Amino acid sequence: VSQTAVKKIISLHEWESINLPLFKRSIGQSVVVRLLEAFMQGESLSVKELTLSLPYSPSGIRLQLRMLEKDGWIELAACPQDQRVKVIQPSTAFSRALDSYSLQCLILLGGS
């Protein structure tokens, strides 16, 4: 790995720390990365589906979701088919951050 590549990866990580809701724990990063994946694919993801897809305690994941909701990154809505199910939706801020993140990845990692 070249020094240039390492510098670009570090720059991207710094950008992520400032602009994305990546909490200082791996559970927060895992939750956000899984949400990014679902949102980019246009996938509807319920709280239960999220908790089953990650190797962390459901209470720890729900705590991360409460923090994301409180900070305005996501919204929880009732599923139209089953009102008991909560579906995670990106807020406008999260969608904008996702667009910025994609652009930042292209800028920092796309070229040499």
N, C-alpha and C. Protein backbone atom coordinates (compact mmCIF):
# COMPACT_ATOMS: atom_id res chain seq x y z
N VAL A 1 0.86 -1.18 0.00
CA VAL A 1 0.00 0.00 0.00
C VAL A 1 0.90 1.24 0.00
N SER A 2 0.60 2.15 -0.91
CA SER A 2 1.42 3.35 -1.02
C SER A 2 1.07 4.35 0.07
N GLN A 3 1.99 5.27 0.33
CA GLN A 3 1.74 6.32 1.32
C GLN A 3 0.57 7.21 0.87
N THR A 4 0.45 7.41 -0.42
CA THR A 4 -0.65 8.22 -0.94
C THR A 4 -1.99 7.57 -0.62
N ALA A 5 -2.08 6.26 -0.81
CA ALA A 5 -3.32 5.54 -0.51
C ALA A 5 -3.64 5.63 0.98
N VAL A 6 -2.65 5.48 1.82
CA VAL A 6 -2.86 5.55 3.27
C VAL A 6 -3.34 6.96 3.65
N LYS A 7 -2.74 7.98 3.07
CA LYS A 7 -3.16 9.36 3.36
C LYS A 7 -4.60 9.59 2.93
N LYS A 8 -5.00 9.02 1.80
CA LYS A 8 -6.37 9.17 1.33
C LYS A 8 -7.35 8.46 2.26
N ILE A 9 -6.99 7.28 2.73
CA ILE A 9 -7.85 6.55 3.66
C ILE A 9 -7.99 7.32 4.97
N ILE A 10 -6.90 7.88 5.46
CA ILE A 10 -6.94 8.68 6.70
C ILE A 10 -7.81 9.91 6.49
N SER A 11 -7.68 10.56 5.34
CA SER A 11 -8.50 11.74 5.05
C SER A 11 -9.98 11.38 5.01
N LEU A 12 -10.29 10.24 4.42
CA LEU A 12 -11.69 9.80 4.36
C LEU A 12 -12.21 9.51 5.77
N HIS A 13 -11.39 8.86 6.58
CA HIS A 13 -11.80 8.57 7.96
C HIS A 13 -12.04 9.86 8.74
N GLU A 14 -11.19 10.85 8.56
CA GLU A 14 -11.38 12.14 9.23
C GLU A 14 -12.68 12.79 8.78
N TRP A 15 -12.95 12.72 7.46
CA TRP A 15 -14.19 13.29 6.93
C TRP A 15 -15.39 12.58 7.54
N GLU A 16 -15.32 11.25 7.63
CA GLU A 16 -16.41 10.47 8.22
C GLU A 16 -16.67 10.90 9.66
N SER A 17 -15.60 11.07 10.43
CA SER A 17 -15.73 11.43 11.85
C SER A 17 -16.42 12.77 12.03
N ILE A 18 -16.19 13.68 11.10
CA ILE A 18 -16.78 15.01 11.19
C ILE A 18 -18.21 15.05 10.65
N ASN A 19 -18.47 14.35 9.56
CA ASN A 19 -19.71 14.52 8.82
C ASN A 19 -20.75 13.41 8.94
N LEU A 20 -20.39 12.27 9.46
CA LEU A 20 -21.34 11.16 9.59
C LEU A 20 -21.55 10.81 11.06
N PRO A 21 -22.72 10.24 11.37
CA PRO A 21 -23.00 9.90 12.76
C PRO A 21 -22.32 8.60 13.19
N LEU A 22 -21.02 8.53 13.01
CA LEU A 22 -20.28 7.34 13.41
C LEU A 22 -19.83 7.53 14.85
N PHE A 23 -20.53 6.88 15.74
CA PHE A 23 -20.20 7.02 17.14
C PHE A 23 -18.87 6.36 17.43
N LYS A 24 -18.31 6.66 18.54
CA LYS A 24 -16.96 6.23 18.88
C LYS A 24 -16.84 4.74 19.21
N ARG A 25 -17.91 3.99 19.04
CA ARG A 25 -17.87 2.56 19.31
C ARG A 25 -18.15 1.80 18.02
N SER A 26 -17.67 0.59 17.96
CA SER A 26 -17.88 -0.20 16.75
C SER A 26 -19.35 -0.50 16.51
N ILE A 27 -20.16 -0.59 17.57
CA ILE A 27 -21.59 -0.86 17.37
C ILE A 27 -22.23 0.30 16.60
N GLY A 28 -21.86 1.53 16.93
CA GLY A 28 -22.41 2.69 16.22
C GLY A 28 -22.02 2.68 14.76
N GLN A 29 -20.77 2.35 14.50
CA GLN A 29 -20.32 2.28 13.12
C GLN A 29 -21.04 1.16 12.37
N SER A 30 -21.22 0.02 13.01
CA SER A 30 -21.90 -1.11 12.37
C SER A 30 -23.34 -0.76 12.04
N VAL A 31 -24.02 -0.09 12.96
CA VAL A 31 -25.41 0.31 12.73
C VAL A 31 -25.48 1.27 11.54
N VAL A 32 -24.62 2.27 11.52
CA VAL A 32 -24.65 3.27 10.44
C VAL A 32 -24.29 2.63 9.10
N VAL A 33 -23.29 1.77 9.09
CA VAL A 33 -22.90 1.11 7.83
C VAL A 33 -24.04 0.24 7.32
N ARG A 34 -24.72 -0.48 8.19
CA ARG A 34 -25.85 -1.32 7.76
C ARG A 34 -26.98 -0.46 7.22
N LEU A 35 -27.24 0.67 7.89
CA LEU A 35 -28.28 1.58 7.41
C LEU A 35 -27.88 2.18 6.06
N LEU A 36 -26.62 2.57 5.92
CA LEU A 36 -26.14 3.09 4.63
C LEU A 36 -26.39 2.08 3.52
N GLU A 37 -26.04 0.83 3.80
CA GLU A 37 -26.22 -0.24 2.82
C GLU A 37 -27.70 -0.37 2.42
N ALA A 38 -28.58 -0.38 3.40
CA ALA A 38 -30.01 -0.53 3.12
C ALA A 38 -30.54 0.69 2.36
N PHE A 39 -30.17 1.88 2.80
CA PHE A 39 -30.68 3.09 2.16
C PHE A 39 -30.19 3.21 0.72
N MET A 40 -28.93 2.84 0.49
CA MET A 40 -28.38 2.93 -0.87
C MET A 40 -29.07 1.95 -1.82
N GLN A 41 -29.52 0.83 -1.30
CA GLN A 41 -30.20 -0.18 -2.12
C GLN A 41 -31.71 0.04 -2.18
N GLY A 42 -32.18 1.11 -1.52
CA GLY A 42 -33.61 1.37 -1.50
C GLY A 42 -34.40 0.36 -0.70
N GLU A 43 -33.71 -0.32 0.21
CA GLU A 43 -34.29 -1.39 1.01
C GLU A 43 -34.99 -0.81 2.24
N SER A 44 -36.16 -1.32 2.54
CA SER A 44 -36.86 -0.95 3.75
C SER A 44 -36.35 -1.86 4.87
N LEU A 45 -35.91 -1.28 5.96
CA LEU A 45 -35.30 -2.05 7.04
C LEU A 45 -36.04 -1.77 8.33
N SER A 46 -36.53 -2.81 8.97
CA SER A 46 -37.20 -2.64 10.26
C SER A 46 -36.16 -2.71 11.38
N VAL A 47 -36.58 -2.23 12.54
CA VAL A 47 -35.70 -2.30 13.71
C VAL A 47 -35.32 -3.75 13.99
N LYS A 48 -36.30 -4.64 13.90
CA LYS A 48 -36.04 -6.06 14.16
C LYS A 48 -35.06 -6.64 13.15
N GLU A 49 -35.24 -6.32 11.85
CA GLU A 49 -34.32 -6.80 10.82
C GLU A 49 -32.90 -6.31 11.07
N LEU A 50 -32.80 -5.05 11.51
CA LEU A 50 -31.48 -4.50 11.81
C LEU A 50 -30.85 -5.25 12.97
N THR A 51 -31.61 -5.47 14.05
CA THR A 51 -31.03 -6.15 15.21
C THR A 51 -30.63 -7.59 14.89
N LEU A 52 -31.38 -8.24 14.00
CA LEU A 52 -31.04 -9.62 13.64
C LEU A 52 -29.83 -9.70 12.69
N SER A 53 -29.54 -8.59 12.01
CA SER A 53 -28.45 -8.62 11.03
C SER A 53 -27.09 -8.25 11.62
N LEU A 54 -27.07 -7.84 12.88
CA LEU A 54 -25.81 -7.41 13.50
C LEU A 54 -25.50 -8.25 14.74
N PRO A 55 -24.21 -8.46 15.02
CA PRO A 55 -23.84 -9.32 16.15
C PRO A 55 -23.74 -8.58 17.49
N TYR A 56 -24.71 -7.71 17.77
CA TYR A 56 -24.71 -6.94 19.02
C TYR A 56 -26.04 -7.16 19.72
N SER A 57 -26.11 -6.75 20.96
CA SER A 57 -27.35 -6.93 21.72
C SER A 57 -28.43 -6.01 21.14
N PRO A 58 -29.66 -6.49 21.14
CA PRO A 58 -30.76 -5.65 20.66
C PRO A 58 -30.86 -4.32 21.42
N SER A 59 -30.61 -4.35 22.72
CA SER A 59 -30.69 -3.10 23.50
C SER A 59 -29.60 -2.12 23.09
N GLY A 60 -28.41 -2.61 22.78
CA GLY A 60 -27.33 -1.74 22.32
C GLY A 60 -27.65 -1.12 20.97
N ILE A 61 -28.25 -1.90 20.09
CA ILE A 61 -28.63 -1.39 18.77
C ILE A 61 -29.75 -0.37 18.91
N ARG A 62 -30.74 -0.67 19.75
CA ARG A 62 -31.84 0.29 19.96
C ARG A 62 -31.33 1.60 20.55
N LEU A 63 -30.33 1.53 21.42
CA LEU A 63 -29.73 2.75 21.97
C LEU A 63 -29.12 3.59 20.84
N GLN A 64 -28.39 2.94 19.94
CA GLN A 64 -27.80 3.66 18.81
C GLN A 64 -28.89 4.28 17.94
N LEU A 65 -29.98 3.55 17.71
CA LEU A 65 -31.08 4.08 16.91
C LEU A 65 -31.73 5.28 17.60
N ARG A 66 -31.90 5.21 18.92
CA ARG A 66 -32.47 6.36 19.65
C ARG A 66 -31.57 7.58 19.50
N MET A 67 -30.26 7.38 19.56
CA MET A 67 -29.32 8.49 19.40
C MET A 67 -29.41 9.07 17.99
N LEU A 68 -29.47 8.20 16.99
CA LEU A 68 -29.59 8.66 15.61
C LEU A 68 -30.90 9.42 15.40
N GLU A 69 -31.98 8.92 15.99
CA GLU A 69 -33.27 9.59 15.85
C GLU A 69 -33.25 10.94 16.57
N LYS A 70 -32.72 10.96 17.77
CA LYS A 70 -32.65 12.19 18.55
C LYS A 70 -31.84 13.27 17.83
N ASP A 71 -30.76 12.85 17.17
CA ASP A 71 -29.90 13.80 16.46
C ASP A 71 -30.40 14.13 15.06
N GLY A 72 -31.53 13.55 14.66
CA GLY A 72 -32.14 13.89 13.38
C GLY A 72 -31.58 13.17 12.17
N TRP A 73 -30.90 12.04 12.37
CA TRP A 73 -30.33 11.29 11.25
C TRP A 73 -31.32 10.31 10.64
N ILE A 74 -32.21 9.77 11.47
CA ILE A 74 -33.19 8.79 10.99
C ILE A 74 -34.56 9.14 11.55
N GLU A 75 -35.57 8.50 10.95
CA GLU A 75 -36.94 8.59 11.45
C GLU A 75 -37.47 7.16 11.54
N LEU A 76 -38.25 6.91 12.57
CA LEU A 76 -38.89 5.60 12.73
C LEU A 76 -40.37 5.77 12.40
N ALA A 77 -40.85 4.94 11.51
CA ALA A 77 -42.25 5.02 11.09
C ALA A 77 -42.89 3.65 11.20
N ALA A 78 -44.19 3.65 11.41
CA ALA A 78 -44.93 2.40 11.45
C ALA A 78 -45.01 1.83 10.04
N CYS A 79 -44.83 0.53 9.94
CA CYS A 79 -44.94 -0.16 8.66
C CYS A 79 -46.40 -0.16 8.22
N PRO A 80 -46.68 0.19 6.97
CA PRO A 80 -48.08 0.22 6.51
C PRO A 80 -48.78 -1.14 6.63
N GLN A 81 -48.05 -2.23 6.43
CA GLN A 81 -48.65 -3.56 6.49
C GLN A 81 -48.89 -4.06 7.91
N ASP A 82 -48.06 -3.59 8.86
CA ASP A 82 -48.17 -4.05 10.24
C ASP A 82 -47.73 -2.91 11.15
N GLN A 83 -48.68 -2.24 11.77
CA GLN A 83 -48.42 -1.05 12.58
C GLN A 83 -47.51 -1.33 13.78
N ARG A 84 -47.34 -2.59 14.14
CA ARG A 84 -46.46 -2.93 15.27
C ARG A 84 -44.99 -2.85 14.88
N VAL A 85 -44.70 -2.94 13.58
CA VAL A 85 -43.33 -2.96 13.07
C VAL A 85 -42.86 -1.54 12.81
N LYS A 86 -41.68 -1.20 13.31
CA LYS A 86 -41.08 0.12 13.07
C LYS A 86 -40.05 0.00 11.95
N VAL A 87 -40.22 0.85 10.94
CA VAL A 87 -39.31 0.88 9.80
C VAL A 87 -38.39 2.09 9.94
N ILE A 88 -37.13 1.89 9.64
CA ILE A 88 -36.12 2.95 9.76
C ILE A 88 -36.02 3.66 8.41
N GLN A 89 -36.18 4.98 8.45
CA GLN A 89 -36.09 5.78 7.24
C GLN A 89 -35.01 6.84 7.41
N PRO A 90 -34.28 7.15 6.34
CA PRO A 90 -33.26 8.20 6.44
C PRO A 90 -33.93 9.57 6.49
N SER A 91 -33.38 10.46 7.30
CA SER A 91 -33.86 11.83 7.30
C SER A 91 -33.24 12.55 6.10
N THR A 92 -33.67 13.74 5.85
CA THR A 92 -33.09 14.56 4.78
C THR A 92 -31.60 14.76 5.05
N ALA A 93 -31.25 15.00 6.31
CA ALA A 93 -29.84 15.20 6.67
C ALA A 93 -29.01 13.95 6.36
N PHE A 94 -29.55 12.77 6.66
CA PHE A 94 -28.83 11.52 6.39
C PHE A 94 -28.67 11.34 4.88
N SER A 95 -29.73 11.62 4.12
CA SER A 95 -29.66 11.48 2.67
C SER A 95 -28.61 12.42 2.08
N ARG A 96 -28.58 13.66 2.56
CA ARG A 96 -27.56 14.61 2.10
C ARG A 96 -26.15 14.14 2.48
N ALA A 97 -26.01 13.63 3.70
CA ALA A 97 -24.71 13.14 4.15
C ALA A 97 -24.27 11.95 3.30
N LEU A 98 -25.20 11.10 2.92
CA LEU A 98 -24.89 9.95 2.08
C LEU A 98 -24.41 10.40 0.70
N ASP A 99 -25.06 11.41 0.13
CA ASP A 99 -24.61 11.97 -1.15
C ASP A 99 -23.21 12.56 -1.03
N SER A 100 -22.99 13.31 0.05
CA SER A 100 -21.67 13.91 0.28
C SER A 100 -20.60 12.85 0.49
N TYR A 101 -20.98 11.79 1.21
CA TYR A 101 -20.04 10.71 1.48
C TYR A 101 -19.61 10.02 0.18
N SER A 102 -20.59 9.76 -0.69
CA SER A 102 -20.27 9.13 -1.98
C SER A 102 -19.31 10.01 -2.77
N LEU A 103 -19.57 11.29 -2.80
CA LEU A 103 -18.69 12.23 -3.52
C LEU A 103 -17.31 12.25 -2.89
N GLN A 104 -17.26 12.28 -1.56
CA GLN A 104 -15.97 12.31 -0.86
C GLN A 104 -15.17 11.05 -1.14
N CYS A 105 -15.82 9.90 -1.18
CA CYS A 105 -15.13 8.64 -1.50
C CYS A 105 -14.54 8.72 -2.90
N LEU A 106 -15.30 9.23 -3.85
CA LEU A 106 -14.80 9.35 -5.22
C LEU A 106 -13.60 10.30 -5.29
N ILE A 107 -13.71 11.41 -4.59
CA ILE A 107 -12.62 12.39 -4.61
C ILE A 107 -11.35 11.81 -3.99
N LEU A 108 -11.50 11.21 -2.81
CA LEU A 108 -10.31 10.77 -2.08
C LEU A 108 -9.77 9.43 -2.55
N LEU A 109 -10.63 8.53 -2.96
CA LEU A 109 -10.18 7.19 -3.31
C LEU A 109 -10.24 6.88 -4.79
N GLY A 110 -10.93 7.70 -5.56
CA GLY A 110 -11.11 7.42 -6.98
C GLY A 110 -9.85 7.53 -7.81
N GLY A 111 -9.06 8.54 -7.60
CA GLY A 111 -7.85 8.75 -8.40
C GLY A 111 -6.61 8.35 -7.64
N SER A 112 -5.47 8.49 -8.31
CA SER A 112 -4.22 8.14 -7.62
C SER A 112 -3.57 9.33 -6.99
